[in-house]
Amino acid sequence: MAAELVFYTHPMSRGRIVRWMLEELGIAYRTELLELGAAMKAPDYLAINPMGKVPAVVHGDQVLTETAAICVYLADVFPAAGLAPPIEQRGDYYRWLFFAAGPFEAAIANRGLGFEVPQENQRSIGYGSFDLVVDTLERIVASRPFIAGESFSAADVYVGSQIGFGLQFGMIDKRAGFEGYWERLSMRDAYLRAQEIDAAAAESMTQDSHP
């Protein structure tokens, strides 16, 4: 019997990225919804993720946290879905997925908190400057159908989610490259299905907290 896959999440968290990935895979999984706050700091969950954050995935005896790592793991463990390029063609796949998980997310988070890296310190920061990171990513997504080339992959789930979030909340400018890329991704059946599932979960949790 195949190992059960358990997905720990909250519908208004980065867990939405993993939900989309799971729906792209088309596999069976069990969802454990956790309320924000105490439930994520309970001993049972801290044994899974000592950071007390979601998402997390438990697959047999494997425990995965960190959204980008979860996406890469799932693409590798369920290869039939074709969400990872052949191993000899994974340069751009790894490069831009982890660019989004590192420099891009850090730059977006710092900008959101009102922190700008002084020019004299930019050499000491992995992403250099906000403008450099955003310009770099836009050039890439504007130059090709998908982030790793001609085919959709797990990297698009992660990179696309970061761009979609940035556009939705005004954290990045609505540039043509970003909007065109996100439009292609946000029309996918698995993405729309994941959105519906998380919207229903959010409504259910709200109702449960307000009897």
N, C-alpha and C. Protein backbone atom coordinates (compact mmCIF):
# COMPACT_ATOMS: atom_id res chain seq x y z
N MET A 1 0.84 -1.20 0.00
CA MET A 1 0.00 0.00 0.00
C MET A 1 0.88 1.25 0.00
N ALA A 2 0.54 2.23 -0.84
CA ALA A 2 1.32 3.46 -0.91
C ALA A 2 1.19 4.24 0.39
N ALA A 3 2.26 4.95 0.74
CA ALA A 3 2.24 5.75 1.96
C ALA A 3 1.21 6.86 1.86
N GLU A 4 0.49 7.10 2.96
CA GLU A 4 -0.47 8.20 2.98
C GLU A 4 0.26 9.53 2.97
N LEU A 5 -0.29 10.49 2.28
CA LEU A 5 0.26 11.83 2.27
C LEU A 5 -0.69 12.74 3.04
N VAL A 6 -0.16 13.37 4.08
CA VAL A 6 -0.96 14.26 4.93
C VAL A 6 -0.45 15.68 4.75
N PHE A 7 -1.37 16.58 4.48
CA PHE A 7 -1.06 17.97 4.17
C PHE A 7 -1.60 18.85 5.29
N TYR A 8 -0.70 19.53 6.01
CA TYR A 8 -1.07 20.44 7.10
C TYR A 8 -1.08 21.87 6.56
N THR A 9 -2.18 22.57 6.77
CA THR A 9 -2.29 23.88 6.16
C THR A 9 -3.31 24.75 6.87
N HIS A 10 -3.34 25.99 6.48
CA HIS A 10 -4.41 26.93 6.77
C HIS A 10 -4.75 27.57 5.43
N PRO A 11 -6.04 27.75 5.13
CA PRO A 11 -6.41 28.21 3.78
C PRO A 11 -5.97 29.62 3.43
N MET A 12 -5.51 30.38 4.41
CA MET A 12 -5.00 31.73 4.12
C MET A 12 -3.52 31.79 4.47
N SER A 13 -2.77 30.90 3.87
CA SER A 13 -1.33 30.81 4.16
C SER A 13 -0.61 30.37 2.89
N ARG A 14 0.71 30.20 3.00
CA ARG A 14 1.48 29.67 1.88
C ARG A 14 1.06 28.25 1.54
N GLY A 15 0.26 27.66 2.40
CA GLY A 15 -0.28 26.34 2.08
C GLY A 15 -1.06 26.32 0.78
N ARG A 16 -1.55 27.47 0.35
CA ARG A 16 -2.27 27.54 -0.92
C ARG A 16 -1.37 27.13 -2.09
N ILE A 17 -0.09 27.39 -1.97
CA ILE A 17 0.85 26.99 -3.03
C ILE A 17 0.92 25.47 -3.10
N VAL A 18 1.05 24.83 -1.94
CA VAL A 18 1.14 23.37 -1.90
C VAL A 18 -0.18 22.74 -2.33
N ARG A 19 -1.29 23.35 -1.97
CA ARG A 19 -2.59 22.84 -2.42
C ARG A 19 -2.64 22.81 -3.95
N TRP A 20 -2.19 23.88 -4.57
CA TRP A 20 -2.17 23.92 -6.03
C TRP A 20 -1.27 22.81 -6.57
N MET A 21 -0.11 22.64 -5.97
CA MET A 21 0.81 21.59 -6.41
C MET A 21 0.15 20.21 -6.30
N LEU A 22 -0.51 19.95 -5.20
CA LEU A 22 -1.18 18.66 -5.00
C LEU A 22 -2.27 18.43 -6.04
N GLU A 23 -3.00 19.48 -6.34
CA GLU A 23 -4.05 19.35 -7.35
C GLU A 23 -3.47 19.13 -8.74
N GLU A 24 -2.33 19.72 -9.03
CA GLU A 24 -1.66 19.45 -10.30
C GLU A 24 -1.24 17.99 -10.39
N LEU A 25 -0.82 17.41 -9.29
CA LEU A 25 -0.39 16.02 -9.28
C LEU A 25 -1.56 15.06 -9.48
N GLY A 26 -2.73 15.44 -8.99
CA GLY A 26 -3.89 14.58 -9.11
C GLY A 26 -3.81 13.34 -8.26
N ILE A 27 -3.18 13.43 -7.09
CA ILE A 27 -3.02 12.27 -6.21
C ILE A 27 -3.96 12.39 -5.01
N ALA A 28 -4.13 11.29 -4.31
CA ALA A 28 -4.92 11.30 -3.08
C ALA A 28 -4.09 11.86 -1.94
N TYR A 29 -4.70 12.70 -1.13
CA TYR A 29 -4.02 13.22 0.06
C TYR A 29 -5.07 13.59 1.10
N ARG A 30 -4.62 13.65 2.34
CA ARG A 30 -5.50 14.03 3.44
C ARG A 30 -5.09 15.40 3.96
N THR A 31 -6.06 16.26 4.15
CA THR A 31 -5.78 17.61 4.63
C THR A 31 -6.08 17.73 6.12
N GLU A 32 -5.15 18.31 6.84
CA GLU A 32 -5.35 18.66 8.25
C GLU A 32 -5.32 20.19 8.34
N LEU A 33 -6.47 20.80 8.61
CA LEU A 33 -6.55 22.25 8.73
C LEU A 33 -6.18 22.67 10.15
N LEU A 34 -5.30 23.63 10.27
CA LEU A 34 -4.87 24.14 11.57
C LEU A 34 -5.25 25.60 11.69
N GLU A 35 -5.84 25.96 12.82
CA GLU A 35 -6.12 27.36 13.09
C GLU A 35 -4.79 28.10 13.30
N LEU A 36 -4.78 29.36 12.94
CA LEU A 36 -3.62 30.19 13.23
C LEU A 36 -3.47 30.35 14.73
N GLY A 37 -2.26 30.35 15.21
CA GLY A 37 -2.04 30.57 16.64
C GLY A 37 -1.74 29.30 17.39
N ALA A 38 -2.54 29.03 18.42
CA ALA A 38 -2.24 27.96 19.37
C ALA A 38 -2.12 26.59 18.72
N ALA A 39 -2.97 26.30 17.74
CA ALA A 39 -2.95 24.97 17.14
C ALA A 39 -1.61 24.67 16.48
N MET A 40 -0.98 25.70 15.93
CA MET A 40 0.31 25.50 15.27
C MET A 40 1.47 25.44 16.26
N LYS A 41 1.20 25.82 17.50
CA LYS A 41 2.24 25.77 18.53
C LYS A 41 2.04 24.60 19.49
N ALA A 42 1.05 23.76 19.20
CA ALA A 42 0.79 22.59 20.05
C ALA A 42 1.92 21.59 19.88
N PRO A 43 2.24 20.82 20.94
CA PRO A 43 3.37 19.88 20.88
C PRO A 43 3.30 18.91 19.71
N ASP A 44 2.11 18.40 19.40
CA ASP A 44 2.00 17.42 18.32
C ASP A 44 2.42 18.02 16.98
N TYR A 45 2.04 19.27 16.76
CA TYR A 45 2.42 19.87 15.48
C TYR A 45 3.86 20.36 15.49
N LEU A 46 4.34 20.84 16.63
CA LEU A 46 5.73 21.26 16.71
C LEU A 46 6.69 20.10 16.46
N ALA A 47 6.23 18.87 16.72
CA ALA A 47 7.05 17.70 16.41
C ALA A 47 7.20 17.53 14.90
N ILE A 48 6.26 18.09 14.14
CA ILE A 48 6.33 18.05 12.67
C ILE A 48 7.10 19.25 12.15
N ASN A 49 6.73 20.42 12.61
CA ASN A 49 7.43 21.65 12.21
C ASN A 49 7.74 22.48 13.44
N PRO A 50 8.97 22.42 13.92
CA PRO A 50 9.34 23.17 15.14
C PRO A 50 9.14 24.68 15.00
N MET A 51 9.01 25.18 13.78
CA MET A 51 8.75 26.60 13.57
C MET A 51 7.30 26.96 13.89
N GLY A 52 6.44 25.95 13.98
CA GLY A 52 5.04 26.23 14.27
C GLY A 52 4.34 26.97 13.15
N LYS A 53 4.69 26.63 11.91
CA LYS A 53 4.11 27.28 10.74
C LYS A 53 3.61 26.23 9.76
N VAL A 54 2.75 26.66 8.86
CA VAL A 54 2.31 25.81 7.76
C VAL A 54 2.78 26.45 6.46
N PRO A 55 2.89 25.63 5.41
CA PRO A 55 2.45 24.24 5.27
C PRO A 55 3.51 23.24 5.73
N ALA A 56 3.04 22.01 5.87
CA ALA A 56 3.92 20.87 6.08
C ALA A 56 3.27 19.67 5.41
N VAL A 57 4.10 18.74 5.01
CA VAL A 57 3.62 17.51 4.41
C VAL A 57 4.32 16.34 5.09
N VAL A 58 3.54 15.35 5.48
CA VAL A 58 4.09 14.10 6.00
C VAL A 58 3.71 13.00 5.02
N HIS A 59 4.71 12.34 4.49
CA HIS A 59 4.49 11.30 3.48
C HIS A 59 5.24 10.07 3.93
N GLY A 60 4.52 9.13 4.52
CA GLY A 60 5.18 7.98 5.11
C GLY A 60 6.06 8.45 6.25
N ASP A 61 7.36 8.15 6.17
CA ASP A 61 8.28 8.60 7.22
C ASP A 61 9.03 9.87 6.83
N GLN A 62 8.62 10.50 5.75
CA GLN A 62 9.25 11.75 5.30
C GLN A 62 8.44 12.96 5.78
N VAL A 63 9.13 13.92 6.37
CA VAL A 63 8.48 15.15 6.83
C VAL A 63 9.08 16.31 6.05
N LEU A 64 8.22 17.08 5.41
CA LEU A 64 8.66 18.21 4.59
C LEU A 64 8.03 19.49 5.09
N THR A 65 8.86 20.50 5.28
CA THR A 65 8.39 21.86 5.49
C THR A 65 9.08 22.71 4.42
N GLU A 66 8.86 24.00 4.43
CA GLU A 66 9.41 24.93 3.45
C GLU A 66 8.76 24.66 2.09
N THR A 67 7.96 25.62 1.66
CA THR A 67 7.08 25.43 0.51
C THR A 67 7.82 25.03 -0.76
N ALA A 68 8.93 25.67 -1.06
CA ALA A 68 9.69 25.32 -2.26
C ALA A 68 10.19 23.89 -2.18
N ALA A 69 10.67 23.47 -1.02
CA ALA A 69 11.15 22.10 -0.84
C ALA A 69 10.02 21.10 -1.04
N ILE A 70 8.84 21.42 -0.53
CA ILE A 70 7.69 20.53 -0.70
C ILE A 70 7.37 20.36 -2.19
N CYS A 71 7.37 21.46 -2.93
CA CYS A 71 7.05 21.38 -4.36
C CYS A 71 8.06 20.52 -5.10
N VAL A 72 9.34 20.69 -4.83
CA VAL A 72 10.37 19.90 -5.49
C VAL A 72 10.23 18.43 -5.12
N TYR A 73 10.02 18.15 -3.84
CA TYR A 73 9.86 16.77 -3.37
C TYR A 73 8.69 16.09 -4.08
N LEU A 74 7.55 16.76 -4.10
CA LEU A 74 6.36 16.14 -4.69
C LEU A 74 6.55 15.88 -6.18
N ALA A 75 7.20 16.80 -6.88
CA ALA A 75 7.45 16.58 -8.31
C ALA A 75 8.34 15.37 -8.53
N ASP A 76 9.31 15.15 -7.64
CA ASP A 76 10.21 14.01 -7.78
C ASP A 76 9.56 12.69 -7.39
N VAL A 77 8.75 12.71 -6.35
CA VAL A 77 8.16 11.47 -5.83
C VAL A 77 6.98 11.00 -6.68
N PHE A 78 6.37 11.94 -7.40
CA PHE A 78 5.24 11.58 -8.26
C PHE A 78 5.56 12.00 -9.70
N PRO A 79 6.52 11.31 -10.32
CA PRO A 79 7.01 11.74 -11.64
C PRO A 79 5.99 11.60 -12.76
N ALA A 80 4.96 10.78 -12.57
CA ALA A 80 3.99 10.57 -13.64
C ALA A 80 3.29 11.87 -14.04
N ALA A 81 3.23 12.83 -13.14
CA ALA A 81 2.57 14.10 -13.44
C ALA A 81 3.41 14.97 -14.36
N GLY A 82 4.69 14.66 -14.51
CA GLY A 82 5.56 15.42 -15.42
C GLY A 82 5.81 16.84 -14.98
N LEU A 83 5.91 17.08 -13.67
CA LEU A 83 6.10 18.44 -13.16
C LEU A 83 7.55 18.79 -12.85
N ALA A 84 8.46 17.91 -13.24
CA ALA A 84 9.90 18.22 -13.16
C ALA A 84 10.52 17.83 -14.50
N PRO A 85 11.37 18.68 -15.06
CA PRO A 85 12.03 18.34 -16.32
C PRO A 85 12.97 17.15 -16.13
N PRO A 86 13.40 16.53 -17.22
CA PRO A 86 14.44 15.49 -17.10
C PRO A 86 15.65 16.05 -16.35
N ILE A 87 16.33 15.20 -15.61
CA ILE A 87 17.38 15.64 -14.71
C ILE A 87 18.45 16.46 -15.44
N GLU A 88 18.72 16.13 -16.68
CA GLU A 88 19.76 16.85 -17.41
C GLU A 88 19.29 18.20 -17.93
N GLN A 89 18.00 18.51 -17.71
CA GLN A 89 17.45 19.78 -18.18
C GLN A 89 16.91 20.64 -17.03
N ARG A 90 17.42 20.43 -15.85
CA ARG A 90 16.84 21.10 -14.68
C ARG A 90 17.55 22.38 -14.24
N GLY A 91 18.46 22.88 -15.04
CA GLY A 91 19.18 24.08 -14.63
C GLY A 91 18.24 25.24 -14.35
N ASP A 92 17.42 25.62 -15.33
CA ASP A 92 16.50 26.74 -15.13
C ASP A 92 15.42 26.42 -14.11
N TYR A 93 15.02 25.18 -14.07
CA TYR A 93 14.00 24.73 -13.11
C TYR A 93 14.47 25.01 -11.68
N TYR A 94 15.63 24.55 -11.31
CA TYR A 94 16.16 24.81 -9.97
C TYR A 94 16.50 26.30 -9.79
N ARG A 95 17.12 26.86 -10.79
CA ARG A 95 17.61 28.22 -10.67
C ARG A 95 16.49 29.20 -10.32
N TRP A 96 15.40 29.18 -11.09
CA TRP A 96 14.38 30.20 -10.89
C TRP A 96 13.42 29.86 -9.77
N LEU A 97 13.24 28.57 -9.49
CA LEU A 97 12.42 28.22 -8.33
C LEU A 97 13.07 28.75 -7.05
N PHE A 98 14.36 28.52 -6.92
CA PHE A 98 15.04 28.96 -5.71
C PHE A 98 15.39 30.45 -5.73
N PHE A 99 15.43 31.05 -6.90
CA PHE A 99 15.52 32.51 -6.98
C PHE A 99 14.27 33.12 -6.37
N ALA A 100 13.11 32.55 -6.68
CA ALA A 100 11.85 33.06 -6.11
C ALA A 100 11.77 32.80 -4.62
N ALA A 101 12.29 31.64 -4.18
CA ALA A 101 12.24 31.31 -2.75
C ALA A 101 13.24 32.10 -1.93
N GLY A 102 14.31 32.55 -2.58
CA GLY A 102 15.34 33.29 -1.86
C GLY A 102 15.29 34.78 -2.14
N PRO A 103 16.03 35.27 -3.15
CA PRO A 103 16.10 36.70 -3.41
C PRO A 103 14.75 37.39 -3.59
N PHE A 104 13.86 36.79 -4.38
CA PHE A 104 12.60 37.47 -4.67
C PHE A 104 11.74 37.60 -3.41
N GLU A 105 11.54 36.50 -2.68
CA GLU A 105 10.70 36.59 -1.49
C GLU A 105 11.32 37.51 -0.44
N ALA A 106 12.63 37.46 -0.28
CA ALA A 106 13.28 38.34 0.69
C ALA A 106 13.10 39.80 0.32
N ALA A 107 13.28 40.11 -0.97
CA ALA A 107 13.14 41.49 -1.41
C ALA A 107 11.72 41.99 -1.23
N ILE A 108 10.74 41.14 -1.57
CA ILE A 108 9.33 41.51 -1.43
C ILE A 108 8.98 41.73 0.05
N ALA A 109 9.44 40.81 0.90
CA ALA A 109 9.14 40.92 2.34
C ALA A 109 9.74 42.19 2.92
N ASN A 110 10.98 42.48 2.59
CA ASN A 110 11.61 43.68 3.13
C ASN A 110 10.93 44.94 2.63
N ARG A 111 10.57 44.97 1.35
CA ARG A 111 9.86 46.14 0.82
C ARG A 111 8.52 46.31 1.55
N GLY A 112 7.82 45.20 1.80
CA GLY A 112 6.54 45.27 2.50
C GLY A 112 6.67 45.81 3.92
N LEU A 113 7.82 45.56 4.53
CA LEU A 113 8.07 46.04 5.89
C LEU A 113 8.67 47.44 5.91
N GLY A 114 8.84 48.02 4.71
CA GLY A 114 9.37 49.37 4.63
C GLY A 114 10.88 49.46 4.72
N PHE A 115 11.57 48.32 4.51
CA PHE A 115 13.03 48.32 4.61
C PHE A 115 13.65 48.31 3.23
N GLU A 116 14.50 49.25 2.95
CA GLU A 116 15.25 49.29 1.71
C GLU A 116 16.74 49.17 2.04
N VAL A 117 17.43 48.32 1.31
CA VAL A 117 18.85 48.13 1.55
C VAL A 117 19.61 49.36 1.06
N PRO A 118 20.37 50.02 1.93
CA PRO A 118 21.18 51.16 1.48
C PRO A 118 22.13 50.74 0.36
N GLN A 119 22.35 51.61 -0.59
CA GLN A 119 23.16 51.26 -1.74
C GLN A 119 24.54 50.74 -1.34
N GLU A 120 25.11 51.33 -0.30
CA GLU A 120 26.45 50.91 0.10
C GLU A 120 26.47 49.51 0.72
N ASN A 121 25.30 48.96 1.06
CA ASN A 121 25.23 47.63 1.66
C ASN A 121 24.70 46.57 0.70
N GLN A 122 24.37 46.94 -0.51
CA GLN A 122 23.73 45.99 -1.42
C GLN A 122 24.63 44.81 -1.78
N ARG A 123 25.92 45.01 -1.77
CA ARG A 123 26.83 43.90 -2.06
C ARG A 123 26.79 42.84 -0.97
N SER A 124 26.36 43.22 0.22
CA SER A 124 26.33 42.29 1.35
C SER A 124 25.03 41.51 1.44
N ILE A 125 24.02 41.89 0.63
CA ILE A 125 22.71 41.26 0.67
C ILE A 125 22.55 40.37 -0.55
N GLY A 126 22.05 39.17 -0.34
CA GLY A 126 21.96 38.21 -1.44
C GLY A 126 21.20 38.71 -2.64
N TYR A 127 20.15 39.51 -2.41
CA TYR A 127 19.35 39.96 -3.55
C TYR A 127 19.78 41.32 -4.09
N GLY A 128 20.71 41.96 -3.46
CA GLY A 128 21.19 43.26 -3.94
C GLY A 128 20.20 44.37 -3.69
N SER A 129 19.24 44.52 -4.60
CA SER A 129 18.22 45.55 -4.43
C SER A 129 16.88 45.04 -4.93
N PHE A 130 15.81 45.63 -4.45
CA PHE A 130 14.47 45.25 -4.87
C PHE A 130 14.32 45.38 -6.38
N ASP A 131 14.73 46.50 -6.94
CA ASP A 131 14.56 46.73 -8.37
C ASP A 131 15.32 45.71 -9.20
N LEU A 132 16.52 45.36 -8.78
CA LEU A 132 17.32 44.38 -9.51
C LEU A 132 16.61 43.03 -9.56
N VAL A 133 16.09 42.60 -8.43
CA VAL A 133 15.41 41.31 -8.35
C VAL A 133 14.16 41.30 -9.24
N VAL A 134 13.34 42.33 -9.11
CA VAL A 134 12.08 42.38 -9.86
C VAL A 134 12.36 42.48 -11.36
N ASP A 135 13.30 43.31 -11.74
CA ASP A 135 13.65 43.44 -13.17
C ASP A 135 14.14 42.11 -13.73
N THR A 136 14.96 41.42 -12.97
CA THR A 136 15.51 40.15 -13.42
C THR A 136 14.41 39.12 -13.64
N LEU A 137 13.50 39.00 -12.68
CA LEU A 137 12.44 38.01 -12.80
C LEU A 137 11.48 38.35 -13.93
N GLU A 138 11.17 39.62 -14.10
CA GLU A 138 10.26 39.98 -15.18
C GLU A 138 10.86 39.65 -16.55
N ARG A 139 12.12 39.91 -16.74
CA ARG A 139 12.74 39.60 -18.02
C ARG A 139 12.62 38.12 -18.35
N ILE A 140 12.77 37.27 -17.35
CA ILE A 140 12.71 35.83 -17.57
C ILE A 140 11.29 35.40 -17.93
N VAL A 141 10.31 35.80 -17.14
CA VAL A 141 8.94 35.31 -17.41
C VAL A 141 8.38 35.91 -18.69
N ALA A 142 8.90 37.05 -19.11
CA ALA A 142 8.43 37.65 -20.36
C ALA A 142 9.07 37.01 -21.58
N SER A 143 10.13 36.24 -21.38
CA SER A 143 10.90 35.71 -22.51
C SER A 143 10.53 34.30 -22.92
N ARG A 144 9.64 33.65 -22.15
CA ARG A 144 9.34 32.24 -22.40
C ARG A 144 7.95 31.90 -21.89
N PRO A 145 7.35 30.82 -22.36
CA PRO A 145 6.01 30.47 -21.90
C PRO A 145 5.95 30.14 -20.41
N PHE A 146 6.95 29.40 -19.94
CA PHE A 146 6.99 28.99 -18.54
C PHE A 146 8.40 29.24 -18.00
N ILE A 147 8.53 29.21 -16.68
CA ILE A 147 9.76 29.67 -16.06
C ILE A 147 10.97 28.81 -16.43
N ALA A 148 10.75 27.51 -16.69
CA ALA A 148 11.87 26.64 -17.04
C ALA A 148 11.92 26.33 -18.53
N GLY A 149 11.11 27.03 -19.32
CA GLY A 149 11.15 26.80 -20.76
C GLY A 149 9.78 26.67 -21.39
N GLU A 150 9.58 25.60 -22.16
CA GLU A 150 8.35 25.44 -22.92
C GLU A 150 7.26 24.69 -22.17
N SER A 151 7.60 24.03 -21.07
CA SER A 151 6.64 23.18 -20.37
C SER A 151 6.39 23.67 -18.94
N PHE A 152 5.14 23.55 -18.51
CA PHE A 152 4.77 23.87 -17.13
C PHE A 152 5.43 22.89 -16.18
N SER A 153 5.87 23.40 -15.01
CA SER A 153 6.53 22.55 -14.03
C SER A 153 6.21 23.03 -12.62
N ALA A 154 6.72 22.28 -11.64
CA ALA A 154 6.55 22.67 -10.25
C ALA A 154 7.14 24.05 -9.98
N ALA A 155 8.15 24.42 -10.74
CA ALA A 155 8.74 25.75 -10.56
C ALA A 155 7.72 26.84 -10.85
N ASP A 156 6.84 26.60 -11.82
CA ASP A 156 5.80 27.59 -12.12
C ASP A 156 4.79 27.70 -10.98
N VAL A 157 4.50 26.59 -10.32
CA VAL A 157 3.60 26.65 -9.18
C VAL A 157 4.16 27.61 -8.14
N TYR A 158 5.44 27.47 -7.84
CA TYR A 158 6.04 28.31 -6.80
C TYR A 158 6.28 29.74 -7.28
N VAL A 159 6.96 29.88 -8.40
CA VAL A 159 7.25 31.23 -8.91
C VAL A 159 5.96 31.97 -9.23
N GLY A 160 5.03 31.28 -9.89
CA GLY A 160 3.77 31.91 -10.23
C GLY A 160 2.99 32.36 -9.02
N SER A 161 2.99 31.56 -7.97
CA SER A 161 2.28 31.94 -6.75
C SER A 161 2.87 33.21 -6.14
N GLN A 162 4.19 33.31 -6.15
CA GLN A 162 4.84 34.50 -5.61
C GLN A 162 4.49 35.74 -6.43
N ILE A 163 4.48 35.58 -7.75
CA ILE A 163 4.14 36.71 -8.61
C ILE A 163 2.66 37.06 -8.47
N GLY A 164 1.80 36.06 -8.46
CA GLY A 164 0.38 36.32 -8.30
C GLY A 164 0.07 37.04 -7.00
N PHE A 165 0.73 36.62 -5.91
CA PHE A 165 0.55 37.27 -4.62
C PHE A 165 1.02 38.72 -4.68
N GLY A 166 2.18 38.91 -5.30
CA GLY A 166 2.72 40.27 -5.41
C GLY A 166 1.83 41.20 -6.20
N LEU A 167 1.25 40.68 -7.29
CA LEU A 167 0.34 41.50 -8.08
C LEU A 167 -0.96 41.79 -7.33
N GLN A 168 -1.49 40.78 -6.66
CA GLN A 168 -2.76 40.93 -5.95
C GLN A 168 -2.68 41.99 -4.86
N PHE A 169 -1.59 42.02 -4.15
CA PHE A 169 -1.47 42.92 -3.01
C PHE A 169 -0.61 44.15 -3.31
N GLY A 170 -0.32 44.40 -4.57
CA GLY A 170 0.39 45.61 -4.95
C GLY A 170 1.83 45.65 -4.51
N MET A 171 2.44 44.50 -4.29
CA MET A 171 3.82 44.47 -3.83
C MET A 171 4.81 44.53 -4.99
N ILE A 172 4.31 44.22 -6.19
CA ILE A 172 5.10 44.43 -7.41
C ILE A 172 4.22 45.15 -8.41
N ASP A 173 4.85 45.88 -9.33
CA ASP A 173 4.11 46.62 -10.34
C ASP A 173 3.43 45.67 -11.32
N LYS A 174 2.31 46.12 -11.86
CA LYS A 174 1.58 45.32 -12.85
C LYS A 174 2.22 45.47 -14.23
N ARG A 175 3.37 44.87 -14.36
CA ARG A 175 4.10 44.90 -15.62
C ARG A 175 3.55 43.85 -16.57
N ALA A 176 3.69 44.10 -17.86
CA ALA A 176 3.14 43.20 -18.87
C ALA A 176 3.70 41.79 -18.75
N GLY A 177 4.99 41.67 -18.47
CA GLY A 177 5.60 40.35 -18.35
C GLY A 177 4.99 39.55 -17.22
N PHE A 178 4.84 40.19 -16.07
CA PHE A 178 4.25 39.50 -14.92
C PHE A 178 2.79 39.15 -15.18
N GLU A 179 2.04 40.10 -15.70
CA GLU A 179 0.61 39.86 -15.89
C GLU A 179 0.35 38.78 -16.93
N GLY A 180 1.12 38.76 -18.00
CA GLY A 180 0.94 37.73 -19.01
C GLY A 180 1.26 36.34 -18.48
N TYR A 181 2.35 36.26 -17.74
CA TYR A 181 2.75 34.97 -17.14
C TYR A 181 1.69 34.48 -16.16
N TRP A 182 1.25 35.36 -15.28
CA TRP A 182 0.28 34.96 -14.28
C TRP A 182 -1.07 34.62 -14.91
N GLU A 183 -1.45 35.30 -15.96
CA GLU A 183 -2.70 34.98 -16.65
C GLU A 183 -2.66 33.56 -17.19
N ARG A 184 -1.54 33.16 -17.76
CA ARG A 184 -1.42 31.78 -18.28
C ARG A 184 -1.57 30.76 -17.16
N LEU A 185 -0.97 31.03 -16.03
CA LEU A 185 -0.99 30.06 -14.93
C LEU A 185 -2.33 30.02 -14.22
N SER A 186 -2.93 31.16 -14.01
CA SER A 186 -4.15 31.23 -13.20
C SER A 186 -5.38 30.71 -13.92
N MET A 187 -5.23 30.33 -15.17
CA MET A 187 -6.33 29.70 -15.90
C MET A 187 -6.28 28.18 -15.85
N ARG A 188 -5.26 27.63 -15.24
CA ARG A 188 -5.11 26.18 -15.18
C ARG A 188 -6.20 25.56 -14.31
N ASP A 189 -6.70 24.41 -14.73
CA ASP A 189 -7.78 23.75 -14.00
C ASP A 189 -7.37 23.44 -12.56
N ALA A 190 -6.14 22.96 -12.37
CA ALA A 190 -5.70 22.60 -11.02
C ALA A 190 -5.63 23.82 -10.12
N TYR A 191 -5.20 24.95 -10.66
CA TYR A 191 -5.16 26.17 -9.86
C TYR A 191 -6.56 26.59 -9.45
N LEU A 192 -7.49 26.59 -10.39
CA LEU A 192 -8.86 26.99 -10.08
C LEU A 192 -9.50 26.04 -9.08
N ARG A 193 -9.22 24.76 -9.24
CA ARG A 193 -9.75 23.77 -8.30
C ARG A 193 -9.18 23.98 -6.90
N ALA A 194 -7.89 24.25 -6.82
CA ALA A 194 -7.26 24.50 -5.51
C ALA A 194 -7.84 25.73 -4.85
N GLN A 195 -8.10 26.78 -5.64
CA GLN A 195 -8.70 27.99 -5.09
C GLN A 195 -10.07 27.70 -4.50
N GLU A 196 -10.86 26.91 -5.19
CA GLU A 196 -12.20 26.57 -4.70
C GLU A 196 -12.12 25.78 -3.40
N ILE A 197 -11.19 24.84 -3.34
CA ILE A 197 -11.04 24.02 -2.12
C ILE A 197 -10.66 24.89 -0.94
N ASP A 198 -9.69 25.79 -1.14
CA ASP A 198 -9.25 26.62 -0.02
C ASP A 198 -10.29 27.66 0.37
N ALA A 199 -11.05 28.16 -0.60
CA ALA A 199 -12.13 29.10 -0.27
C ALA A 199 -13.18 28.41 0.58
N ALA A 200 -13.53 27.18 0.24
CA ALA A 200 -14.51 26.43 1.03
C ALA A 200 -13.96 26.12 2.42
N ALA A 201 -12.66 25.81 2.50
CA ALA A 201 -12.06 25.53 3.81
C ALA A 201 -12.05 26.77 4.67
N ALA A 202 -11.74 27.92 4.09
CA ALA A 202 -11.73 29.17 4.84
C ALA A 202 -13.12 29.49 5.37
N GLU A 203 -14.13 29.28 4.55
CA GLU A 203 -15.51 29.54 4.99
C GLU A 203 -15.91 28.60 6.12
N SER A 204 -15.53 27.33 5.98
CA SER A 204 -15.85 26.35 7.01
C SER A 204 -15.19 26.70 8.34
N MET A 205 -13.93 27.12 8.30
CA MET A 205 -13.23 27.47 9.53
C MET A 205 -13.83 28.72 10.17
N THR A 206 -14.28 29.65 9.35
CA THR A 206 -14.91 30.86 9.88
C THR A 206 -16.22 30.52 10.58
N GLN A 207 -17.01 29.64 9.96
CA GLN A 207 -18.27 29.23 10.56
C GLN A 207 -18.06 28.47 11.86
N ASP A 208 -17.04 27.61 11.88
CA ASP A 208 -16.76 26.84 13.10
C ASP A 208 -16.33 27.73 14.26
N SER A 209 -15.67 28.86 13.94
CA SER A 209 -15.20 29.75 15.00
C SER A 209 -16.27 30.73 15.45
N HIS A 210 -17.40 30.81 14.70
CA HIS A 210 -18.50 31.68 15.06
C HIS A 210 -19.81 30.92 15.01
N PRO A 211 -20.05 30.07 16.02
CA PRO A 211 -21.26 29.23 16.01
C PRO A 211 -22.54 30.09 16.05
